[in-house]
Amino acid sequence: MQARKLKVLIVDDEPVIADTLTKIVRQRGYECELAYDGLSAVEIARRIRPQFILMNMEMPTMSGFSAAAVILDEQPDCQVVFTSGSHHPEPFLDTFRQRGYTFGFLVSPPHPALLLEKLDALEALQANDTE
């Protein structure tokens, strides 16, 4: 398996979801860290400076929205994809759009193929930018 350059952070307060997605992402060859709450996500993001974060919107300690706001203020080039079991996240997501952030959304738990598709597309885009 070829090592990939993309750094990924998976954040979900459901350990089974976070652990499973992290394993899948690592098997694909990406460097991947995980956090189970927003506060830990901020700390890990400061340390590893990920290019991609998959983050649950609703978590204890610090919500995904609050954590993403801190991370994106410090690392505006990071791509954040929110997850939620809610099928109507638009009012929450509009807050981020108004701040000028772009992001994605996947229904939780996200299908691994959709996550890997997003990672592969981001990696390809970054590879084209460096050529």
Foldseek 3Di string as FASTA:
>chain_A
DDAADAEEEEEALPVVLQVVLQVLCVVVRYHYDYYNALVVVLVVCVVPVGQEYEYEQDHPPAGPLRSVVNSCVVRVNREYEYEEQDPDCVVVVVVVVVVVHDYHYAYPPHDSVVVVVVVVVVRVVVVVVVD
